[in-house]
Amino acid sequence: MSLSIGLIVDGYVKLNDRSALENLLTHRRELLQKLNCVTGIDPKEAMAQVSQEITVIEKAIAALARE
């Protein structure tokens, strides 16, 4: 996972901004879907990165739900 997505997610958690996390999650899921359709290059590395980011965002949303 990139440091930047971790910092962004941590910031949204500290602000208790579930909506922003959900928007970020939606964006990453759309990005993953688009990467899955890419031809001409091998997007596996990018897809793995986005999948890791999705996992981090989902965990943050779950943590907010427990509060």
PDB file of N, CA and C in Angstrom:
ATOM      1  N   MET A   1       0.847  -1.180   0.000  1.00  0.00           N
ATOM      2  CA  MET A   1       0.000   0.000   0.000  1.00  0.00           C
ATOM      3  C   MET A   1       0.886   1.235   0.000  1.00  0.00           C
ATOM      4  N   SER A   2       0.462   2.244  -0.710  1.00  0.00           N
ATOM      5  CA  SER A   2       1.232   3.478  -0.750  1.00  0.00           C
ATOM      6  C   SER A   2       1.021   4.264   0.549  1.00  0.00           C
ATOM      7  N   LEU A   3       2.026   5.003   0.907  1.00  0.00           N
ATOM      8  CA  LEU A   3       1.953   5.827   2.114  1.00  0.00           C
ATOM      9  C   LEU A   3       0.843   6.862   1.987  1.00  0.00           C
ATOM     10  N   SER A   4       0.674   7.395   0.787  1.00  0.00           N
ATOM     11  CA  SER A   4      -0.308   8.470   0.605  1.00  0.00           C
ATOM     12  C   SER A   4      -1.735   8.002   0.892  1.00  0.00           C
ATOM     13  N   ILE A   5      -2.134   6.834   0.423  1.00  0.00           N
ATOM     14  CA  ILE A   5      -3.506   6.371   0.677  1.00  0.00           C
ATOM     15  C   ILE A   5      -3.688   6.112   2.167  1.00  0.00           C
ATOM     16  N   GLY A   6      -2.658   5.625   2.824  1.00  0.00           N
ATOM     17  CA  GLY A   6      -2.733   5.408   4.269  1.00  0.00           C
ATOM     18  C   GLY A   6      -2.962   6.710   5.015  1.00  0.00           C
ATOM     19  N   LEU A   7      -2.261   7.752   4.618  1.00  0.00           N
ATOM     20  CA  LEU A   7      -2.424   9.055   5.261  1.00  0.00           C
ATOM     21  C   LEU A   7      -3.809   9.645   4.993  1.00  0.00           C
ATOM     22  N   ILE A   8      -4.282   9.487   3.768  1.00  0.00           N
ATOM     23  CA  ILE A   8      -5.609   9.991   3.416  1.00  0.00           C
ATOM     24  C   ILE A   8      -6.680   9.282   4.235  1.00  0.00           C
ATOM     25  N   VAL A   9      -6.605   7.960   4.287  1.00  0.00           N
ATOM     26  CA  VAL A   9      -7.589   7.176   5.041  1.00  0.00           C
ATOM     27  C   VAL A   9      -7.520   7.533   6.525  1.00  0.00           C
ATOM     28  N   ASP A  10      -6.324   7.633   7.078  1.00  0.00           N
ATOM     29  CA  ASP A  10      -6.183   8.008   8.495  1.00  0.00           C
ATOM     30  C   ASP A  10      -6.805   9.371   8.771  1.00  0.00           C
ATOM     31  N   GLY A  11      -6.604  10.307   7.848  1.00  0.00           N
ATOM     32  CA  GLY A  11      -7.192  11.639   8.013  1.00  0.00           C
ATOM     33  C   GLY A  11      -8.708  11.583   8.034  1.00  0.00           C
ATOM     34  N   TYR A  12      -9.290  10.822   7.116  1.00  0.00           N
ATOM     35  CA  TYR A  12     -10.752  10.695   7.080  1.00  0.00           C
ATOM     36  C   TYR A  12     -11.285  10.004   8.337  1.00  0.00           C
ATOM     37  N   VAL A  13     -10.551   9.036   8.840  1.00  0.00           N
ATOM     38  CA  VAL A  13     -10.975   8.356  10.074  1.00  0.00           C
ATOM     39  C   VAL A  13     -10.940   9.334  11.241  1.00  0.00           C
ATOM     40  N   LYS A  14      -9.876  10.118  11.346  1.00  0.00           N
ATOM     41  CA  LYS A  14      -9.772  11.098  12.434  1.00  0.00           C
ATOM     42  C   LYS A  14     -10.884  12.132  12.366  1.00  0.00           C
ATOM     43  N   LEU A  15     -11.304  12.467  11.137  1.00  0.00           N
ATOM     44  CA  LEU A  15     -12.396  13.425  10.957  1.00  0.00           C
ATOM     45  C   LEU A  15     -13.765  12.766  11.055  1.00  0.00           C
ATOM     46  N   ASN A  16     -13.759  11.432  11.193  1.00  0.00           N
ATOM     47  CA  ASN A  16     -15.003  10.653  11.244  1.00  0.00           C
ATOM     48  C   ASN A  16     -15.839  10.898   9.982  1.00  0.00           C
ATOM     49  N   ASP A  17     -15.157  10.954   8.835  1.00  0.00           N
ATOM     50  CA  ASP A  17     -15.794  11.272   7.559  1.00  0.00           C
ATOM     51  C   ASP A  17     -16.051   9.994   6.755  1.00  0.00           C
ATOM     52  N   ARG A  18     -17.092   9.295   7.137  1.00  0.00           N
ATOM     53  CA  ARG A  18     -17.453   8.043   6.481  1.00  0.00           C
ATOM     54  C   ARG A  18     -17.805   8.268   5.007  1.00  0.00           C
ATOM     55  N   SER A  19     -18.461   9.361   4.722  1.00  0.00           N
ATOM     56  CA  SER A  19     -18.856   9.667   3.350  1.00  0.00           C
ATOM     57  C   SER A  19     -17.641   9.778   2.434  1.00  0.00           C
ATOM     58  N   ALA A  20     -16.619  10.450   2.888  1.00  0.00           N
ATOM     59  CA  ALA A  20     -15.405  10.589   2.084  1.00  0.00           C
ATOM     60  C   ALA A  20     -14.743   9.229   1.869  1.00  0.00           C
ATOM     61  N   LEU A  21     -14.752   8.395   2.898  1.00  0.00           N
ATOM     62  CA  LEU A  21     -14.194   7.046   2.756  1.00  0.00           C
ATOM     63  C   LEU A  21     -14.990   6.218   1.757  1.00  0.00           C
ATOM     64  N   GLU A  22     -16.297   6.339   1.814  1.00  0.00           N
ATOM     65  CA  GLU A  22     -17.140   5.590   0.876  1.00  0.00           C
ATOM     66  C   GLU A  22     -16.925   6.076  -0.559  1.00  0.00           C
ATOM     67  N   ASN A  23     -16.753   7.378  -0.739  1.00  0.00           N
ATOM     68  CA  ASN A  23     -16.464   7.919  -2.075  1.00  0.00           C
ATOM     69  C   ASN A  23     -15.116   7.414  -2.585  1.00  0.00           C
ATOM     70  N   LEU A  24     -14.142   7.383  -1.702  1.00  0.00           N
ATOM     71  CA  LEU A  24     -12.816   6.881  -2.059  1.00  0.00           C
ATOM     72  C   LEU A  24     -12.889   5.401  -2.433  1.00  0.00           C
ATOM     73  N   LEU A  25     -13.665   4.643  -1.680  1.00  0.00           N
ATOM     74  CA  LEU A  25     -13.846   3.227  -1.959  1.00  0.00           C
ATOM     75  C   LEU A  25     -14.522   3.012  -3.317  1.00  0.00           C
ATOM     76  N   THR A  26     -15.554   3.790  -3.587  1.00  0.00           N
ATOM     77  CA  THR A  26     -16.241   3.697  -4.878  1.00  0.00           C
ATOM     78  C   THR A  26     -15.277   3.990  -6.017  1.00  0.00           C
ATOM     79  N   HIS A  27     -14.470   5.020  -5.853  1.00  0.00           N
ATOM     80  CA  HIS A  27     -13.496   5.379  -6.883  1.00  0.00           C
ATOM     81  C   HIS A  27     -12.501   4.253  -7.119  1.00  0.00           C
ATOM     82  N   ARG A  28     -11.983   3.686  -6.063  1.00  0.00           N
ATOM     83  CA  ARG A  28     -10.992   2.612  -6.201  1.00  0.00           C
ATOM     84  C   ARG A  28     -11.612   1.371  -6.843  1.00  0.00           C
ATOM     85  N   ARG A  29     -12.859   1.062  -6.503  1.00  0.00           N
ATOM     86  CA  ARG A  29     -13.524  -0.088  -7.127  1.00  0.00           C
ATOM     87  C   ARG A  29     -13.730   0.140  -8.619  1.00  0.00           C
ATOM     88  N   GLU A  30     -14.100   1.354  -8.995  1.00  0.00           N
ATOM     89  CA  GLU A  30     -14.254   1.688 -10.418  1.00  0.00           C
ATOM     90  C   GLU A  30     -12.917   1.602 -11.140  1.00  0.00           C
ATOM     91  N   LEU A  31     -11.878   2.076 -10.489  1.00  0.00           N
ATOM     92  CA  LEU A  31     -10.536   2.012 -11.068  1.00  0.00           C
ATOM     93  C   LEU A  31     -10.117   0.565 -11.283  1.00  0.00           C
ATOM     94  N   LEU A  32     -10.373  -0.293 -10.311  1.00  0.00           N
ATOM     95  CA  LEU A  32     -10.037  -1.702 -10.437  1.00  0.00           C
ATOM     96  C   LEU A  32     -10.782  -2.342 -11.606  1.00  0.00           C
ATOM     97  N   GLN A  33     -12.033  -1.988 -11.742  1.00  0.00           N
ATOM     98  CA  GLN A  33     -12.838  -2.517 -12.836  1.00  0.00           C
ATOM     99  C   GLN A  33     -12.280  -2.071 -14.194  1.00  0.00           C
ATOM    100  N   LYS A  34     -11.875  -0.822 -14.279  1.00  0.00           N
ATOM    101  CA  LYS A  34     -11.300  -0.312 -15.530  1.00  0.00           C
ATOM    102  C   LYS A  34      -9.955  -0.964 -15.829  1.00  0.00           C
ATOM    103  N   LEU A  35      -9.157  -1.179 -14.797  1.00  0.00           N
ATOM    104  CA  LEU A  35      -7.867  -1.836 -14.996  1.00  0.00           C
ATOM    105  C   LEU A  35      -8.053  -3.262 -15.502  1.00  0.00           C
ATOM    106  N   ASN A  36      -9.119  -3.894 -15.070  1.00  0.00           N
ATOM    107  CA  ASN A  36      -9.406  -5.264 -15.479  1.00  0.00           C
ATOM    108  C   ASN A  36      -9.677  -5.346 -16.984  1.00  0.00           C
ATOM    109  N   CYS A  37     -10.082  -4.259 -17.593  1.00  0.00           N
ATOM    110  CA  CYS A  37     -10.414  -4.221 -19.021  1.00  0.00           C
ATOM    111  C   CYS A  37      -9.273  -3.721 -19.902  1.00  0.00           C
ATOM    112  N   VAL A  38      -8.165  -3.365 -19.306  1.00  0.00           N
ATOM    113  CA  VAL A  38      -7.033  -2.811 -20.053  1.00  0.00           C
ATOM    114  C   VAL A  38      -6.422  -3.886 -20.949  1.00  0.00           C
ATOM    115  N   THR A  39      -6.097  -3.495 -22.156  1.00  0.00           N
ATOM    116  CA  THR A  39      -5.386  -4.387 -23.070  1.00  0.00           C
ATOM    117  C   THR A  39      -4.099  -3.713 -23.513  1.00  0.00           C
ATOM    118  N   GLY A  40      -3.155  -4.501 -23.931  1.00  0.00           N
ATOM    119  CA  GLY A  40      -1.900  -3.963 -24.436  1.00  0.00           C
ATOM    120  C   GLY A  40      -0.793  -3.890 -23.405  1.00  0.00           C
ATOM    121  N   ILE A  41      -1.159  -3.886 -22.144  1.00  0.00           N
ATOM    122  CA  ILE A  41      -0.165  -3.909 -21.059  1.00  0.00           C
ATOM    123  C   ILE A  41      -0.659  -4.880 -19.995  1.00  0.00           C
ATOM    124  N   ASP A  42       0.224  -5.238 -19.099  1.00  0.00           N
ATOM    125  CA  ASP A  42      -0.146  -6.127 -18.002  1.00  0.00           C
ATOM    126  C   ASP A  42      -0.458  -5.284 -16.765  1.00  0.00           C
ATOM    127  N   PRO A  43      -1.729  -5.155 -16.394  1.00  0.00           N
ATOM    128  CA  PRO A  43      -2.101  -4.294 -15.278  1.00  0.00           C
ATOM    129  C   PRO A  43      -2.067  -4.985 -13.911  1.00  0.00           C
ATOM    130  N   LYS A  44      -1.499  -6.176 -13.828  1.00  0.00           N
ATOM    131  CA  LYS A  44      -1.555  -6.947 -12.579  1.00  0.00           C
ATOM    132  C   LYS A  44      -0.980  -6.193 -11.384  1.00  0.00           C
ATOM    133  N   GLU A  45       0.135  -5.516 -11.585  1.00  0.00           N
ATOM    134  CA  GLU A  45       0.764  -4.788 -10.473  1.00  0.00           C
ATOM    135  C   GLU A  45      -0.125  -3.645  -9.992  1.00  0.00           C
ATOM    136  N   ALA A  46      -0.668  -2.897 -10.917  1.00  0.00           N
ATOM    137  CA  ALA A  46      -1.572  -1.800 -10.555  1.00  0.00           C
ATOM    138  C   ALA A  46      -2.832  -2.338  -9.894  1.00  0.00           C
ATOM    139  N   MET A  47      -3.344  -3.448 -10.398  1.00  0.00           N
ATOM    140  CA  MET A  47      -4.542  -4.047  -9.806  1.00  0.00           C
ATOM    141  C   MET A  47      -4.274  -4.522  -8.384  1.00  0.00           C
ATOM    142  N   ALA A  48      -3.101  -5.068  -8.152  1.00  0.00           N
ATOM    143  CA  ALA A  48      -2.739  -5.508  -6.802  1.00  0.00           C
ATOM    144  C   ALA A  48      -2.670  -4.314  -5.848  1.00  0.00           C
ATOM    145  N   GLN A  49      -2.101  -3.208  -6.327  1.00  0.00           N
ATOM    146  CA  GLN A  49      -2.001  -1.992  -5.513  1.00  0.00           C
ATOM    147  C   GLN A  49      -3.386  -1.461  -5.154  1.00  0.00           C
ATOM    148  N   VAL A  50      -4.254  -1.380  -6.149  1.00  0.00           N
ATOM    149  CA  VAL A  50      -5.607  -0.866  -5.914  1.00  0.00           C
ATOM    150  C   VAL A  50      -6.377  -1.805  -4.985  1.00  0.00           C
ATOM    151  N   SER A  51      -6.180  -3.098  -5.130  1.00  0.00           N
ATOM    152  CA  SER A  51      -6.840  -4.065  -4.249  1.00  0.00           C
ATOM    153  C   SER A  51      -6.404  -3.878  -2.800  1.00  0.00           C
ATOM    154  N   GLN A  52      -5.127  -3.624  -2.585  1.00  0.00           N
ATOM    155  CA  GLN A  52      -4.620  -3.356  -1.238  1.00  0.00           C
ATOM    156  C   GLN A  52      -5.253  -2.087  -0.672  1.00  0.00           C
ATOM    157  N   GLU A  53      -5.375  -1.075  -1.507  1.00  0.00           N
ATOM    158  CA  GLU A  53      -5.988   0.181  -1.065  1.00  0.00           C
ATOM    159  C   GLU A  53      -7.451  -0.037  -0.695  1.00  0.00           C
ATOM    160  N   ILE A  54      -8.154  -0.841  -1.472  1.00  0.00           N
ATOM    161  CA  ILE A  54      -9.554  -1.153  -1.176  1.00  0.00           C
ATOM    162  C   ILE A  54      -9.663  -1.826   0.186  1.00  0.00           C
ATOM    163  N   THR A  55      -8.771  -2.741   0.472  1.00  0.00           N
ATOM    164  CA  THR A  55      -8.774  -3.433   1.760  1.00  0.00           C
ATOM    165  C   THR A  55      -8.581  -2.460   2.916  1.00  0.00           C
ATOM    166  N   VAL A  56      -7.658  -1.532   2.758  1.00  0.00           N
ATOM    167  CA  VAL A  56      -7.389  -0.527   3.805  1.00  0.00           C
ATOM    168  C   VAL A  56      -8.623   0.350   4.021  1.00  0.00           C
ATOM    169  N   ILE A  57      -9.248   0.778   2.955  1.00  0.00           N
ATOM    170  CA  ILE A  57     -10.430   1.641   3.052  1.00  0.00           C
ATOM    171  C   ILE A  57     -11.589   0.885   3.707  1.00  0.00           C
ATOM    172  N   GLU A  58     -11.785  -0.372   3.308  1.00  0.00           N
ATOM    173  CA  GLU A  58     -12.863  -1.174   3.899  1.00  0.00           C
ATOM    174  C   GLU A  58     -12.655  -1.370   5.396  1.00  0.00           C
ATOM    175  N   LYS A  59     -11.411  -1.599   5.812  1.00  0.00           N
ATOM    176  CA  LYS A  59     -11.116  -1.747   7.239  1.00  0.00           C
ATOM    177  C   LYS A  59     -11.408  -0.444   8.004  1.00  0.00           C
ATOM    178  N   ALA A  60     -11.111   0.677   7.388  1.00  0.00           N
ATOM    179  CA  ALA A  60     -11.365   1.967   8.032  1.00  0.00           C
ATOM    180  C   ALA A  60     -12.855   2.207   8.175  1.00  0.00           C
ATOM    181  N   ILE A  61     -13.628   1.864   7.146  1.00  0.00           N
ATOM    182  CA  ILE A  61     -15.083   2.024   7.223  1.00  0.00           C
ATOM    183  C   ILE A  61     -15.645   1.123   8.299  1.00  0.00           C
ATOM    184  N   ALA A  62     -15.146  -0.103   8.381  1.00  0.00           N
ATOM    185  CA  ALA A  62     -15.606  -1.039   9.417  1.00  0.00           C
ATOM    186  C   ALA A  62     -15.269  -0.519  10.810  1.00  0.00           C
ATOM    187  N   ALA A  63     -14.102   0.090  10.957  1.00  0.00           N
ATOM    188  CA  ALA A  63     -13.713   0.648  12.255  1.00  0.00           C
ATOM    189  C   ALA A  63     -14.633   1.795  12.652  1.00  0.00           C
ATOM    190  N   LEU A  64     -15.022   2.627  11.702  1.00  0.00           N
ATOM    191  CA  LEU A  64     -15.944   3.718  11.998  1.00  0.00           C
ATOM    192  C   LEU A  64     -17.323   3.178  12.376  1.00  0.00           C
ATOM    193  N   ALA A  65     -17.721   2.085  11.761  1.00  0.00           N
ATOM    194  CA  ALA A  65     -19.027   1.495  12.051  1.00  0.00           C
ATOM    195  C   ALA A  65     -19.090   0.944  13.474  1.00  0.00           C
ATOM    196  N   ARG A  66     -17.943   0.504  13.994  1.00  0.00           N
ATOM    197  CA  ARG A  66     -17.889  -0.053  15.364  1.00  0.00           C
ATOM    198  C   ARG A  66     -17.954   1.041  16.421  1.00  0.00           C
ATOM    199  N   GLU A  67     -17.613   2.251  16.040  1.00  0.00           N
ATOM    200  CA  GLU A  67     -17.573   3.347  17.034  1.00  0.00           C
ATOM    201  C   GLU A  67     -18.958   3.834  17.400  1.00  0.00           C
TER     202      GLU A  67
END
